[in-house]
Protein backbone atom coordinates (compact mmCIF):
# COMPACT_ATOMS: atom_id res chain seq x y z
CA MET A 1 0.00 0.00 0.00
CA ARG A 2 1.37 3.41 -0.99
CA ILE A 3 0.10 6.04 1.46
CA LEU A 4 0.48 9.81 1.31
CA VAL A 5 0.92 11.18 4.84
CA VAL A 6 0.02 14.87 4.96
CA SER A 7 0.64 17.58 7.54
CA THR A 8 -1.20 20.84 6.99
CA TYR A 9 0.20 22.79 9.95
CA GLU A 10 1.96 22.03 13.23
CA SER A 11 2.64 25.42 14.85
CA GLY A 12 5.42 26.17 12.40
CA HIS A 13 7.43 23.10 13.42
CA GLN A 14 8.74 20.23 11.34
CA PRO A 15 5.73 17.90 11.63
CA LEU A 16 6.23 15.36 14.41
CA HIS A 17 2.90 13.60 13.89
CA ALA A 18 3.33 13.09 10.15
CA ALA A 19 6.82 11.72 10.78
CA THR A 20 5.52 9.40 13.50
CA ALA A 21 2.67 8.09 11.35
CA SER A 22 4.94 7.58 8.35
CA THR A 23 7.44 5.62 10.47
CA LEU A 24 4.72 3.37 11.90
CA LEU A 25 3.25 2.69 8.48
CA GLU A 26 6.66 2.00 6.93
CA ASP A 27 7.47 -0.43 9.75
CA ALA A 28 4.16 -2.20 9.04
CA GLY A 29 5.24 -2.75 5.43
CA HIS A 30 3.61 0.18 3.66
CA ASP A 31 5.29 2.62 1.29
CA THR A 32 4.78 6.21 2.41
CA VAL A 33 5.29 9.70 1.03
CA VAL A 34 5.30 12.61 3.49
CA LEU A 35 4.04 16.06 2.47
CA ASP A 36 3.97 19.17 4.65
CA LEU A 37 1.57 21.65 3.08
CA SER A 38 2.87 24.47 5.27
CA VAL A 39 6.05 24.50 3.15
CA ASP A 40 5.28 22.49 -0.03
CA PRO A 41 2.25 22.38 -2.38
CA LEU A 42 -0.02 19.42 -3.06
CA ASP A 43 0.73 17.89 -6.46
CA ASP A 44 -2.37 16.59 -8.22
CA VAL A 45 -0.21 14.32 -10.37
CA ALA A 46 1.33 12.73 -7.27
CA LEU A 47 -2.17 11.97 -5.97
CA GLN A 48 -2.63 9.58 -8.88
CA GLU A 49 0.23 7.44 -7.55
CA VAL A 50 -1.08 6.72 -4.02
CA ASP A 51 -3.61 4.23 -2.66
CA ALA A 52 -4.70 6.22 0.41
CA VAL A 53 -4.10 9.51 2.24
CA ALA A 54 -3.64 10.06 5.99
CA ILE A 55 -3.85 13.68 7.19
CA SER A 56 -2.53 14.88 10.56
CA VAL A 57 -4.83 17.27 12.45
CA PRO A 58 -3.25 18.00 15.87
CA MET A 59 -4.80 21.46 16.19
CA HIS A 60 -7.72 23.65 15.07
CA THR A 61 -5.80 25.48 12.37
CA ALA A 62 -4.59 22.16 10.95
CA LEU A 63 -8.16 20.88 10.71
CA ARG A 64 -9.40 24.05 9.00
CA LEU A 65 -6.69 23.60 6.39
CA ALA A 66 -7.39 19.87 6.14
CA VAL A 67 -11.01 20.54 5.16
CA ASP A 68 -9.86 22.37 2.02
CA THR A 69 -7.21 19.72 1.35
CA VAL A 70 -9.72 16.86 1.53
CA ASP A 71 -12.11 18.72 -0.77
CA ARG A 72 -9.37 19.05 -3.36
CA ILE A 73 -8.25 15.43 -3.02
CA GLN A 74 -11.80 14.14 -3.41
CA LYS A 75 -12.22 16.15 -6.60
CA VAL A 76 -8.96 14.84 -8.07
CA ARG A 77 -9.34 11.25 -6.80
CA PRO A 78 -12.99 10.47 -5.99
CA GLY A 79 -13.25 7.47 -3.69
CA LEU A 80 -9.63 7.58 -2.53
CA PRO A 81 -9.55 6.39 1.13
CA ILE A 82 -8.73 9.28 3.46
CA ALA A 83 -8.12 9.23 7.22
CA LEU A 84 -7.81 12.18 9.59
CA PHE A 85 -5.70 11.44 12.66
CA GLY A 86 -4.79 13.45 15.72
CA LEU A 87 -6.40 15.50 18.48
CA TYR A 88 -8.95 17.24 16.24
CA ALA A 89 -9.84 14.25 14.06
CA ALA A 90 -13.24 13.68 15.71
CA VAL A 91 -14.38 17.33 15.40
CA GLU A 92 -17.44 17.66 13.19
CA THR A 93 -16.64 18.98 9.70
CA PRO A 94 -18.59 19.29 6.43
CA LEU A 95 -16.58 16.32 5.08
CA ASP A 96 -18.02 12.90 4.27
CA GLY A 97 -16.50 9.50 3.64
CA LEU A 98 -13.53 9.81 6.02
CA THR A 99 -12.07 7.68 8.77
CA ARG A 100 -11.33 9.75 11.89
CA ILE A 101 -8.83 8.62 14.49
CA ALA A 102 -8.58 10.85 17.55
CA GLY A 103 -6.21 10.62 20.49
CA ASP A 104 -3.35 8.12 20.53
CA TYR A 105 -3.77 7.13 16.94
CA THR A 106 -0.91 4.68 16.40
CA GLN A 107 -2.68 1.29 16.53
CA ALA A 108 -5.90 2.44 14.88
CA LEU A 109 -4.01 4.12 12.03
CA MET A 110 -2.18 0.89 11.23
CA GLU A 111 -5.46 -1.03 11.31
CA TRP A 112 -6.97 1.48 8.88
CA ALA A 113 -3.96 1.19 6.56
CA GLY A 114 -4.53 -2.56 6.38
CA HIS A 115 -8.14 -2.00 5.19
CA PRO A 116 -8.45 1.65 4.08
CA VAL A 117 -12.04 1.60 2.86
CA GLY A 118 -15.34 2.96 4.10
CA SER A 119 -15.97 5.59 6.72
CA ARG A 120 -15.61 5.01 10.43
CA THR A 121 -14.60 6.92 13.54
CA HIS A 122 -12.19 5.74 16.20
CA GLN A 123 -12.32 7.65 19.46
CA VAL A 124 -9.05 6.49 20.98
CA ARG A 125 -9.05 8.03 24.44
CA ARG A 126 -5.93 6.38 25.77
CA SER A 127 -3.61 3.63 24.65
CA ALA A 128 0.03 2.73 25.01
CA VAL A 129 2.17 4.93 22.79
CA GLN A 130 4.20 2.65 20.58
CA VAL A 131 7.91 3.23 20.97
CA ARG A 132 9.12 4.51 17.63
CA VAL A 133 11.73 7.12 16.83
CA PRO A 134 10.14 9.03 13.95
CA ARG A 135 12.28 9.00 10.84
CA ARG A 136 12.72 12.57 9.67
CA GLU A 137 14.93 12.12 6.62
CA ALA A 138 11.99 12.55 4.23
CA LEU A 139 10.81 15.76 5.89
CA PRO A 140 11.75 19.28 4.76
CA ALA A 141 14.90 20.57 6.48
CA LEU A 142 14.62 22.33 9.84
CA ASP A 143 15.75 25.62 8.32
CA ARG A 144 12.41 25.82 6.49
CA TYR A 145 10.50 26.08 9.76
CA ALA A 146 10.04 28.49 12.64
CA ARG A 147 13.19 29.58 14.44
CA LEU A 148 14.10 30.83 17.85
CA ARG A 149 14.84 34.55 17.83
CA THR A 150 17.29 35.31 20.63
CA GLY A 151 19.25 38.54 20.54
CA ASP A 152 20.67 38.85 17.03
CA GLU A 153 20.52 35.09 16.42
CA MET A 154 17.91 33.02 14.61
CA LEU A 155 18.34 29.40 15.67
CA PRO A 156 16.81 26.23 14.12
CA VAL A 157 14.27 24.56 16.41
CA GLY A 158 13.41 20.90 16.94
CA TYR A 159 10.07 19.65 18.24
CA VAL A 160 9.15 16.63 20.38
CA GLN A 161 6.47 15.45 22.80
CA ALA A 162 7.24 13.51 25.96
CA SER A 163 3.56 12.87 26.76
CA HIS A 164 0.10 13.05 25.22
CA GLY A 165 -3.14 14.14 26.85
CA CYS A 166 -3.61 16.04 30.10
CA ARG A 167 -4.61 15.23 33.66
CA HIS A 168 -6.86 18.30 33.79
CA ARG A 169 -10.25 19.04 32.27
CA CYS A 170 -10.22 22.76 31.47
CA ARG A 171 -13.66 23.26 29.97
CA HIS A 172 -12.62 25.23 26.88
CA CYS A 173 -9.73 22.91 25.96
CA PRO A 174 -9.98 20.24 23.21
CA VAL A 175 -7.67 17.82 25.05
CA PRO A 176 -10.12 16.54 27.73
CA VAL A 177 -12.74 15.89 25.05
CA VAL A 178 -10.48 13.10 23.79
CA TYR A 179 -8.32 12.15 26.79
CA ASP A 180 -10.84 12.79 29.61
CA GLY A 181 -8.22 13.69 32.19
CA ARG A 182 -5.72 10.99 31.23
CA ILE A 183 -2.19 11.04 29.84
CA SER A 184 0.04 8.69 27.87
CA ILE A 185 3.79 8.75 28.45
CA VAL A 186 6.26 8.52 25.58
CA ASP A 187 9.27 6.38 26.38
CA ASP A 188 12.31 8.42 27.47
CA ALA A 189 14.63 6.64 25.06
CA ALA A 190 12.43 7.44 22.07
CA VAL A 191 12.13 11.12 23.05
CA LEU A 192 15.90 11.47 23.52
CA ALA A 193 16.71 9.64 20.30
CA ASP A 194 14.42 11.98 18.38
CA ILE A 195 16.10 14.98 19.99
CA ASP A 196 19.51 13.52 19.09
CA GLN A 197 18.64 13.29 15.40
CA GLN A 198 17.21 16.81 15.29
CA VAL A 199 20.29 18.25 16.99
CA ALA A 200 22.43 16.35 14.47
CA ALA A 201 20.31 18.00 11.74
CA GLY A 202 21.08 21.46 13.13
CA ALA A 203 18.55 22.15 15.91
CA ARG A 204 19.93 24.48 18.61
CA HIS A 205 16.71 24.70 20.60
CA ILE A 206 13.99 22.13 21.37
CA THR A 207 10.31 22.81 21.93
CA PHE A 208 8.57 20.21 24.08
CA GLY A 209 5.03 20.29 22.70
CA ASP A 210 3.28 18.38 25.48
CA PRO A 211 -0.10 19.93 26.42
CA ASP A 212 1.43 20.25 29.90
CA PHE A 213 5.02 19.18 30.46
CA LEU A 214 4.49 18.74 34.20
CA ASN A 215 1.53 16.37 33.97
CA ALA A 216 4.06 13.69 34.94
CA PRO A 217 6.75 15.57 36.91
CA ALA A 218 9.08 12.61 37.55
CA HIS A 219 9.05 11.68 33.86
CA ALA A 220 9.61 15.31 32.85
CA ARG A 221 12.58 15.73 35.17
CA ARG A 222 14.11 12.48 33.97
CA VAL A 223 13.81 13.56 30.33
CA ILE A 224 15.34 16.99 31.02
CA THR A 225 18.22 15.52 33.05
CA ARG A 226 19.13 13.17 30.23
CA PHE A 227 18.60 15.87 27.60
CA ALA A 228 20.93 18.30 29.40
CA SER A 229 23.66 15.71 29.84
CA ARG A 230 23.60 14.86 26.12
CA HIS A 231 23.14 18.38 24.74
CA PRO A 232 24.41 20.93 27.27
CA ASP A 233 24.55 23.69 24.65
CA VAL A 234 21.00 23.23 23.37
CA THR A 235 18.19 25.24 25.00
CA PHE A 236 14.51 24.36 25.30
CA ASP A 237 11.01 25.60 26.10
CA ILE A 238 7.99 23.87 27.60
CA THR A 239 4.26 24.45 28.14
CA VAL A 240 2.98 24.35 31.74
CA LYS A 241 -0.28 25.32 33.46
CA VAL A 242 -0.08 28.16 35.98
CA GLU A 243 -1.10 25.84 38.80
CA HIS A 244 1.69 23.40 37.88
CA ILE A 245 4.28 26.18 37.79
CA LEU A 246 3.35 26.99 41.38
CA ALA A 247 2.89 23.38 42.51
CA HIS A 248 6.42 22.37 41.53
CA PRO A 249 8.69 25.25 42.65
CA ASP A 250 11.63 22.89 43.11
CA VAL A 251 12.00 22.08 39.39
CA TRP A 252 12.75 25.57 38.10
CA ALA A 253 16.36 25.93 39.25
CA GLU A 254 17.03 22.52 37.73
CA PHE A 255 15.28 23.37 34.44
CA ALA A 256 17.01 26.76 34.23
CA ALA A 257 20.41 25.11 34.63
CA ALA A 258 19.46 22.64 31.90
CA GLY A 259 18.71 25.45 29.42
CA CYS A 260 15.02 26.34 29.81
CA LEU A 261 14.59 29.76 28.20
CA PHE A 262 10.87 30.25 28.58
CA VAL A 263 7.61 28.60 29.60
CA VAL A 264 4.40 28.97 27.61
CA SER A 265 1.46 29.17 30.02
CA ALA A 266 -2.25 29.65 29.36
CA PHE A 267 -3.23 32.69 31.40
CA GLU A 268 -6.38 33.10 29.24
CA THR A 269 -7.89 36.04 31.17
CA LEU A 270 -7.52 37.89 34.46
CA ASN A 271 -11.20 37.80 35.38
CA ASP A 272 -11.45 35.23 38.18
CA ASP A 273 -15.11 34.53 37.43
CA ILE A 274 -14.31 33.62 33.81
CA LEU A 275 -11.32 31.54 34.92
CA GLU A 276 -13.68 29.61 37.18
CA ARG A 277 -16.16 29.10 34.33
CA LEU A 278 -13.31 27.65 32.28
CA ASP A 279 -12.14 25.51 35.22
CA LYS A 280 -8.59 26.75 34.71
CA GLY A 281 -7.42 25.96 38.22
CA HIS A 282 -5.73 29.31 38.81
CA THR A 283 -6.56 32.92 39.62
CA ARG A 284 -5.26 36.31 38.54
CA ALA A 285 -3.06 36.38 41.65
CA ASP A 286 -1.63 32.96 40.75
CA ALA A 287 -0.65 34.23 37.29
CA ALA A 288 1.36 37.05 38.86
CA LYS A 289 3.03 34.61 41.27
CA ALA A 290 4.00 32.32 38.39
CA ILE A 291 5.73 35.18 36.57
CA HIS A 292 7.77 36.08 39.63
CA LEU A 293 8.67 32.48 40.46
CA LEU A 294 10.05 31.78 36.99
CA ARG A 295 11.93 35.06 36.81
CA GLU A 296 13.63 34.26 40.12
CA HIS A 297 15.36 31.50 38.14
CA GLY A 298 16.00 33.50 34.98
CA ILE A 299 13.15 31.90 33.02
CA GLU A 300 10.70 34.06 31.11
CA ILE A 301 7.02 33.28 30.71
CA ARG A 302 5.16 33.58 27.42
CA PRO A 303 1.47 33.81 28.31
CA SER A 304 -1.18 32.66 25.90
CA TRP A 305 -4.42 34.61 26.16
CA LEU A 306 -8.12 34.07 25.52
CA PRO A 307 -9.42 37.63 25.93
CA PHE A 308 -12.72 37.16 24.09
CA THR A 309 -15.46 34.94 25.50
CA PRO A 310 -19.24 35.38 25.84
CA TRP A 311 -18.63 36.88 29.29
CA THR A 312 -15.88 39.36 28.41
CA THR A 313 -16.33 43.08 29.06
CA ILE A 314 -14.29 46.01 27.77
CA ASP A 315 -12.90 46.40 31.29
CA ASP A 316 -11.61 42.81 31.16
CA VAL A 317 -9.67 43.60 27.98
CA VAL A 318 -8.27 46.81 29.46
CA ASP A 319 -7.18 44.83 32.52
CA ILE A 320 -5.19 42.37 30.39
CA PHE A 321 -3.30 45.21 28.66
CA ARG A 322 -2.52 46.90 31.96
CA PHE A 323 -1.36 43.62 33.52
CA ILE A 324 0.98 43.00 30.59
CA VAL A 325 2.62 46.40 31.02
CA ASP A 326 2.74 46.19 34.82
CA HIS A 327 4.52 42.83 34.63
CA ASP A 328 6.82 43.77 31.74
CA LEU A 329 5.29 41.20 29.39
CA VAL A 330 5.00 43.32 26.24
CA GLU A 331 7.91 41.59 24.51
CA ASN A 332 6.70 38.22 25.82
CA THR A 333 3.26 38.55 24.24
CA ASP A 334 2.56 37.81 20.59
CA PRO A 335 0.01 40.49 19.60
CA VAL A 336 -2.30 37.96 17.93
CA GLN A 337 -2.85 36.45 21.38
CA LEU A 338 -4.71 39.62 22.37
CA ALA A 339 -7.33 39.04 19.67
CA ILE A 340 -8.05 35.35 20.30
CA ARG A 341 -11.72 34.36 20.42
CA LEU A 342 -13.09 31.31 22.25
CA LEU A 343 -13.51 28.22 20.06
CA VAL A 344 -16.13 25.68 21.09
CA PRO A 345 -15.76 22.50 19.00
CA GLY A 346 -18.19 19.60 19.13
CA GLY A 347 -17.98 17.71 22.41
CA SER A 348 -16.61 20.72 24.29
CA LEU A 349 -17.16 20.54 28.04
CA LEU A 350 -18.52 24.10 27.86
CA LEU A 351 -21.64 22.72 26.20
CA GLU A 352 -22.52 20.76 29.32
CA GLY A 353 -24.76 22.05 32.10
CA GLU A 354 -25.65 25.67 32.73
CA GLU A 355 -22.91 27.13 30.51
CA GLY A 356 -24.37 25.47 27.41
CA ARG A 357 -27.06 28.13 27.15
CA TRP A 358 -24.47 30.66 25.97
CA PHE A 359 -23.84 28.81 22.72
CA GLY A 360 -25.93 28.57 19.57
CA GLU A 361 -25.76 26.38 16.50
CA TYR A 362 -22.65 24.63 15.28
CA ASP A 363 -20.82 26.35 12.42
CA PRO A 364 -19.32 23.56 10.27
CA GLU A 365 -17.19 26.03 8.34
CA ALA A 366 -15.59 27.67 11.38
CA LEU A 367 -15.62 24.32 13.29
CA THR A 368 -17.06 25.92 16.41
CA TYR A 369 -20.40 26.55 18.09
CA ARG A 370 -21.57 30.11 17.57
CA TRP A 371 -21.75 32.61 20.40
CA SER A 372 -22.03 36.37 20.70
CA GLY A 373 -20.73 38.79 23.30
CA ALA A 374 -21.60 42.42 23.88
CA PRO A 375 -21.64 44.30 20.54
CA GLU A 376 -18.84 46.69 21.52
CA VAL A 377 -16.68 43.73 22.62
CA GLU A 378 -17.35 41.86 19.39
CA ALA A 379 -16.37 44.93 17.36
CA LEU A 380 -13.18 45.36 19.38
CA GLN A 381 -12.13 41.74 18.82
CA THR A 382 -12.55 42.17 15.07
CA GLU A 383 -10.50 45.37 15.12
CA LEU A 384 -7.70 43.87 17.24
CA LEU A 385 -7.41 40.86 14.95
CA ALA A 386 -7.07 43.15 11.94
CA ILE A 387 -4.37 45.16 13.73
CA ALA A 388 -2.48 41.98 14.69
CA GLU A 389 -2.49 40.87 11.05
CA ARG A 390 -1.28 44.27 9.83
CA GLN A 391 1.43 44.49 12.49
CA ALA A 392 2.61 40.88 12.13
CA GLU A 393 6.09 41.88 11.00
CA ALA A 394 6.47 44.92 13.25
CA GLY A 395 7.35 43.12 16.46
CA PRO A 396 5.54 42.71 19.79
CA ALA A 397 5.93 46.27 21.14
CA ALA A 398 4.66 47.97 17.99
CA GLY A 399 1.74 45.57 17.68
CA PHE A 400 0.84 45.96 21.35
CA ALA A 401 0.93 49.77 21.12
CA ALA A 402 -1.36 49.85 18.10
CA MET A 403 -3.79 47.48 19.76
CA TRP A 404 -3.76 49.47 22.99
CA ASP A 405 -4.70 52.63 21.09
CA ALA A 406 -7.81 50.82 19.79
CA VAL A 407 -8.70 49.44 23.23
CA ALA A 408 -8.27 52.83 24.93
CA GLN A 409 -10.48 54.53 22.36
CA VAL A 410 -13.30 52.01 22.88
CA ALA A 411 -12.88 52.17 26.67
CA GLY A 412 -12.96 55.96 26.63
CA ILE A 413 -9.63 56.43 28.38
CA PRO A 414 -6.50 58.31 27.25
CA ALA A 415 -4.03 56.03 25.48
CA GLU A 416 -1.24 57.88 27.34
CA GLU A 417 -2.57 56.42 30.58
CA LEU A 418 -0.59 53.27 29.82
CA ALA A 419 3.14 53.82 29.27
CA ILE A 420 4.49 51.01 27.12
CA PRO A 421 8.15 50.55 28.06
CA HIS A 422 10.87 48.54 26.42
CA GLY A 423 11.77 47.14 29.79
CA ALA A 424 13.84 44.34 31.23
CA THR A 425 12.33 41.77 28.89
CA ALA A 426 13.05 43.63 25.65
CA GLY A 427 14.52 41.15 23.19
CA VAL A 428 13.52 38.06 25.18
CA PRO A 429 13.75 34.77 23.25
CA ARG A 430 10.68 34.01 21.18
CA MET A 431 9.62 31.85 18.27
CA THR A 432 9.25 33.40 14.85
CA GLU A 433 5.88 31.58 14.53
CA PRO A 434 3.33 33.25 16.85
CA TRP A 435 0.36 30.86 16.69
CA PHE A 436 -0.52 28.53 19.57
CA CYS A 437 -3.74 26.83 18.43
């Protein structure tokens, strides 16, 4: 069986999931071709030479792009078996005739490849992650992907995951829909071997893409200890919930010494009532504590934000901007984060109970349930998104300043009320690819 394995988008990284799937399928005796549509186009002629297509959809953006890709494939090759695999595979789309494999997809994907016909859905909530070191030779080179910007340097970045799933059930997050508060650990040896090959290919920084790197603290520390001993000159970043940053204060000196440059953490909002609705497990005060704790060890935090929800007010948005300035986070904040709007895919925990009344019909094009906030808030979100797109190349401070001007005007306060400094975090390390979802 000749199978085309497609990645549409993986946060600007060389696609881990496409490489993993291709390796598994090759080991099972199939012939695979890997295509990353974020850097290379789909060739209609090449589609005539394959027996099936497997498309990786680890995130919302990837699925949006996959919808268009499937439509094109089905027009060129009607009836060609197609499978979507990854975290977002089970999300309702306007597509028909697909196999969908969500969660830990390894076993189910191989079963599909053995009989790639018909349409069926596998909801794989948790299974043992097969130990495979993904072969990356057939992937585009690392220098075609996002880099780490640090000072005047632009460094190639590798990407791995040491675990899948999450122990928590934040109500707006897609992970608990599939994993339901569970995690799967990836074998240390496989993680380290994958890092080894990416460093050999030129990576000078590694992003650990786990939904939360401290879901399994002992495993995380073991991986970092071995990583640092093998690659003492290579830095890294991780993603960690605010509550886990505070719950494990003893790891940060160790991680800083091992080369941790920054931690991505989902602050979302500073309104404690909204944080409780989302079941985030932290408060505004906790977010401030997390910043200070990491900085005590020389580690910066890169907050991800969800400013716009059905419950957001203009004052909530103003509060986020003020907090960012007060805590010297301007250079740490990708401007697009300040325009993010809540997505509510099918199966979202937000649809359960009392909160479900805030959401309308499902939009199969946008892949989210519809909702509306206050008109002035809705208008502001649209304006901030347009500013973020226009200012994409201008840098965080310029984008933040332009967005603050718009917020201040809507809020009816002088823009000069908020001084936007180039403070202690000016020039902090950041990825050249700003998207998180």
